[in-house]
Each structure stands twice: as C-alpha cells, then as structure tokens.
Amino acid sequence: QVQLVESGGGLVQPGGSLRLSCAASGFTFSLYAMTWYRQAPGKERELVAAITGGGHSTNYADSVKGRFSISRDDVKNTVYLQMNSLKPEDTAVYYCNARHMYIPTYNYWGQGTQVTVSS
C-alpha cells in the first residue's frame, strides 16, 4: 500500500524556519522524483521544489529560490523541505508528490500539511 505522510507544518512568524518531512512507503522510493507543491486558499496548486531520484538534480520555484532547500534520504525513504526566511505569502497547504521517473502514470500524493506564516 502506497503512503506519503507529510509532517512538520505549523504556525511560524515571518522570518522563521520550518522543515517539512514526507515519509514514503509501499514503493521503490529511489526510482521516484519527489516534489513539494503548495496550494493557498483561492489559488491553484503550484510546484515549490523537486528532486530527482538519487538526488542528482533539484528545481525550485522562483519565489522560493535561496530560501527553501529540498533533499532526500533514500535509506529512510523520506524527502525534506527546509524552509527559511518564511513570508506570509508562503502560507499554504504543502503536499508531497512522488512520480516514477520512467513510468509517470505511477504518481502519488500525500494528504498535505498546513504551513501558516503570521505574526
């Protein structure tokens, strides 16, 4: 059974930091590109950061470059999103996505974790 379980969200003040985690199970984690998306109220879901299987390549939305960092641990089957210098506009539900690098129809989502940046 495939599972993606996000954790680490919460309420943080502007300028603060959070680290999100997404623990994966039920599939061969190393064969999957992992991506963090977010969706703010009234807005479309957007890509935040992505990392290929093996972690050889990363990609970031322009709005988070220099502030967020994605990483993965293929032993723990976990992907992380380190978020620094958080802004109120980073407030959203953050979702973890896994997509097979060679069979893109194998595509899984987590349930999401709320991040709220507010003073």
C-alpha atoms as a PDB file:
ATOM      1  CA  GLN A   1       0.000   0.000   0.000  1.00  0.00           C
ATOM      2  CA  VAL A   2       1.476   3.312  -1.107  1.00  0.00           C
ATOM      3  CA  GLN A   3       1.673   6.002   1.549  1.00  0.00           C
ATOM      4  CA  LEU A   4       3.097   9.509   1.641  1.00  0.00           C
ATOM      5  CA  VAL A   5       2.849  11.083   5.061  1.00  0.00           C
ATOM      6  CA  GLU A   6       3.793  14.732   5.471  1.00  0.00           C
ATOM      7  CA  SER A   7       4.733  16.279   8.781  1.00  0.00           C
ATOM      8  CA  GLY A   8       6.405  19.377  10.182  1.00  0.00           C
ATOM      9  CA  GLY A   9       3.868  22.035   9.294  1.00  0.00           C
ATOM     10  CA  GLY A  10       2.599  24.607  11.745  1.00  0.00           C
ATOM     11  CA  LEU A  11       2.431  28.265  12.665  1.00  0.00           C
ATOM     12  CA  VAL A  12       5.619  30.328  12.385  1.00  0.00           C
ATOM     13  CA  GLN A  13       6.403  34.026  12.479  1.00  0.00           C
ATOM     14  CA  PRO A  14       7.690  35.847   9.405  1.00  0.00           C
ATOM     15  CA  GLY A  15      11.412  35.268   9.048  1.00  0.00           C
ATOM     16  CA  GLY A  16      11.215  31.937  10.814  1.00  0.00           C
ATOM     17  CA  SER A  17      12.009  28.432   9.613  1.00  0.00           C
ATOM     18  CA  LEU A  18      10.277  25.087   9.312  1.00  0.00           C
ATOM     19  CA  ARG A  19      11.349  21.710   7.987  1.00  0.00           C
ATOM     20  CA  LEU A  20       8.739  19.561   6.320  1.00  0.00           C
ATOM     21  CA  SER A  21       9.168  15.811   6.005  1.00  0.00           C
ATOM     22  CA  CYS A  22       7.419  13.330   3.754  1.00  0.00           C
ATOM     23  CA  ALA A  23       7.810   9.680   4.685  1.00  0.00           C
ATOM     24  CA  ALA A  24       7.165   7.267   1.837  1.00  0.00           C
ATOM     25  CA  SER A  25       6.276   3.586   1.878  1.00  0.00           C
ATOM     26  CA  GLY A  26       4.886   0.957  -0.443  1.00  0.00           C
ATOM     27  CA  PHE A  27       7.041   1.697  -3.482  1.00  0.00           C
ATOM     28  CA  THR A  28      10.687   1.817  -4.566  1.00  0.00           C
ATOM     29  CA  PHE A  29      11.496   5.295  -3.351  1.00  0.00           C
ATOM     30  CA  SER A  30      14.790   5.702  -5.226  1.00  0.00           C
ATOM     31  CA  LEU A  31      13.027   5.373  -8.606  1.00  0.00           C
ATOM     32  CA  TYR A  32      10.737   8.301  -7.934  1.00  0.00           C
ATOM     33  CA  ALA A  33      11.197  12.010  -8.397  1.00  0.00           C
ATOM     34  CA  MET A  34       9.863  13.785  -5.347  1.00  0.00           C
ATOM     35  CA  THR A  35       8.166  17.145  -5.479  1.00  0.00           C
ATOM     36  CA  TRP A  36       6.697  19.551  -2.966  1.00  0.00           C
ATOM     37  CA  TYR A  37       3.658  21.506  -4.097  1.00  0.00           C
ATOM     38  CA  ARG A  38       1.597  24.046  -2.228  1.00  0.00           C
ATOM     39  CA  GLN A  39      -1.888  25.448  -2.501  1.00  0.00           C
ATOM     40  CA  ALA A  40      -3.034  28.655  -0.872  1.00  0.00           C
ATOM     41  CA  PRO A  41      -6.736  29.450  -0.387  1.00  0.00           C
ATOM     42  CA  GLY A  42      -8.317  30.511  -3.659  1.00  0.00           C
ATOM     43  CA  LYS A  43      -5.192  29.726  -5.673  1.00  0.00           C
ATOM     44  CA  GLU A  44      -4.054  26.885  -7.884  1.00  0.00           C
ATOM     45  CA  ARG A  45      -1.618  24.278  -6.664  1.00  0.00           C
ATOM     46  CA  GLU A  46       1.936  25.247  -7.576  1.00  0.00           C
ATOM     47  CA  LEU A  47       5.273  23.490  -7.663  1.00  0.00           C
ATOM     48  CA  VAL A  48       7.611  24.563  -4.886  1.00  0.00           C
ATOM     49  CA  ALA A  49      10.639  22.280  -5.220  1.00  0.00           C
ATOM     50  CA  ALA A  50      11.542  18.998  -6.888  1.00  0.00           C
ATOM     51  CA  ILE A  51      14.350  16.482  -6.660  1.00  0.00           C
ATOM     52  CA  THR A  52      15.137  13.590  -8.971  1.00  0.00           C
ATOM     53  CA  GLY A  53      15.619  10.012  -7.910  1.00  0.00           C
ATOM     54  CA  GLY A  54      19.090   9.764  -6.420  1.00  0.00           C
ATOM     55  CA  GLY A  55      19.041  13.488  -5.714  1.00  0.00           C
ATOM     56  CA  HIS A  56      21.211  14.449  -8.678  1.00  0.00           C
ATOM     57  CA  SER A  57      19.095  17.399  -9.714  1.00  0.00           C
ATOM     58  CA  THR A  58      16.812  19.894  -7.996  1.00  0.00           C
ATOM     59  CA  ASN A  59      14.411  22.543  -9.207  1.00  0.00           C
ATOM     60  CA  TYR A  60      12.751  25.433  -7.382  1.00  0.00           C
ATOM     61  CA  ALA A  61      10.010  27.945  -7.959  1.00  0.00           C
ATOM     62  CA  ASP A  62      11.450  31.423  -8.397  1.00  0.00           C
ATOM     63  CA  SER A  63       9.520  32.598  -5.344  1.00  0.00           C
ATOM     64  CA  VAL A  64      11.426  30.255  -3.014  1.00  0.00           C
ATOM     65  CA  LYS A  65      14.913  30.173  -4.547  1.00  0.00           C
ATOM     66  CA  GLY A  66      17.555  30.957  -1.973  1.00  0.00           C
ATOM     67  CA  ARG A  67      15.136  30.370   0.921  1.00  0.00           C
ATOM     68  CA  PHE A  68      13.964  26.762   0.539  1.00  0.00           C
ATOM     69  CA  SER A  69      16.015  23.612   0.098  1.00  0.00           C
ATOM     70  CA  ILE A  70      14.804  20.155  -0.912  1.00  0.00           C
ATOM     71  CA  SER A  71      16.689  16.985  -0.015  1.00  0.00           C
ATOM     72  CA  ARG A  72      16.046  13.279   0.208  1.00  0.00           C
ATOM     73  CA  ASP A  73      17.257  10.286   2.189  1.00  0.00           C
ATOM     74  CA  ASP A  74      16.857   7.120   0.141  1.00  0.00           C
ATOM     75  CA  VAL A  75      17.663   4.956   3.178  1.00  0.00           C
ATOM     76  CA  LYS A  76      14.884   6.479   5.262  1.00  0.00           C
ATOM     77  CA  ASN A  77      12.582   6.865   2.227  1.00  0.00           C
ATOM     78  CA  THR A  78      11.982  10.448   3.181  1.00  0.00           C
ATOM     79  CA  VAL A  79      12.060  13.770   1.384  1.00  0.00           C
ATOM     80  CA  TYR A  80      12.538  17.048   3.213  1.00  0.00           C
ATOM     81  CA  LEU A  81      11.804  20.686   2.556  1.00  0.00           C
ATOM     82  CA  GLN A  82      13.827  23.126   4.627  1.00  0.00           C
ATOM     83  CA  MET A  83      12.065  26.482   4.591  1.00  0.00           C
ATOM     84  CA  ASN A  84      13.926  29.556   5.824  1.00  0.00           C
ATOM     85  CA  SER A  85      13.097  33.261   5.845  1.00  0.00           C
ATOM     86  CA  LEU A  86       9.429  32.430   5.656  1.00  0.00           C
ATOM     87  CA  LYS A  87       6.999  35.054   4.419  1.00  0.00           C
ATOM     88  CA  PRO A  88       3.233  35.391   4.900  1.00  0.00           C
ATOM     89  CA  GLU A  89       2.810  34.555   1.218  1.00  0.00           C
ATOM     90  CA  ASP A  90       4.300  31.123   1.912  1.00  0.00           C
ATOM     91  CA  THR A  91       1.135  30.265   3.831  1.00  0.00           C
ATOM     92  CA  ALA A  92      -0.462  27.246   2.166  1.00  0.00           C
ATOM     93  CA  VAL A  93      -1.120  23.561   2.427  1.00  0.00           C
ATOM     94  CA  TYR A  94       2.048  21.782   1.343  1.00  0.00           C
ATOM     95  CA  TYR A  95       1.737  18.485  -0.493  1.00  0.00           C
ATOM     96  CA  CYS A  96       4.287  15.792  -1.219  1.00  0.00           C
ATOM     97  CA  ASN A  97       4.206  14.102  -4.622  1.00  0.00           C
ATOM     98  CA  ALA A  98       6.021  11.022  -5.895  1.00  0.00           C
ATOM     99  CA  ARG A  99       6.270  10.326  -9.621  1.00  0.00           C
ATOM    100  CA  HIS A 100       8.093   7.361 -11.167  1.00  0.00           C
ATOM    101  CA  MET A 101      10.946   8.671 -13.296  1.00  0.00           C
ATOM    102  CA  TYR A 102      10.223   6.239 -16.163  1.00  0.00           C
ATOM    103  CA  ILE A 103       6.512   5.421 -15.746  1.00  0.00           C
ATOM    104  CA  PRO A 104       4.883   8.779 -14.978  1.00  0.00           C
ATOM    105  CA  THR A 105       1.444   7.237 -14.527  1.00  0.00           C
ATOM    106  CA  TYR A 106       2.775   5.954 -11.214  1.00  0.00           C
ATOM    107  CA  ASN A 107       2.026   9.188  -9.420  1.00  0.00           C
ATOM    108  CA  TYR A 108       1.134   9.519  -5.728  1.00  0.00           C
ATOM    109  CA  TRP A 109       0.118  12.325  -3.371  1.00  0.00           C
ATOM    110  CA  GLY A 110       0.241  12.883   0.343  1.00  0.00           C
ATOM    111  CA  GLN A 111      -2.584  14.359   2.368  1.00  0.00           C
ATOM    112  CA  GLY A 112      -0.912  17.722   2.903  1.00  0.00           C
ATOM    113  CA  THR A 113       0.353  19.709   5.865  1.00  0.00           C
ATOM    114  CA  GLN A 114      -0.640  23.261   6.731  1.00  0.00           C
ATOM    115  CA  VAL A 115       2.010  25.967   6.941  1.00  0.00           C
ATOM    116  CA  THR A 116       0.911  29.331   8.301  1.00  0.00           C
ATOM    117  CA  VAL A 117       3.271  32.297   8.417  1.00  0.00           C
ATOM    118  CA  SER A 118       1.858  35.032  10.575  1.00  0.00           C
ATOM    119  CA  SER A 119       2.804  37.362  13.397  1.00  0.00           C
END
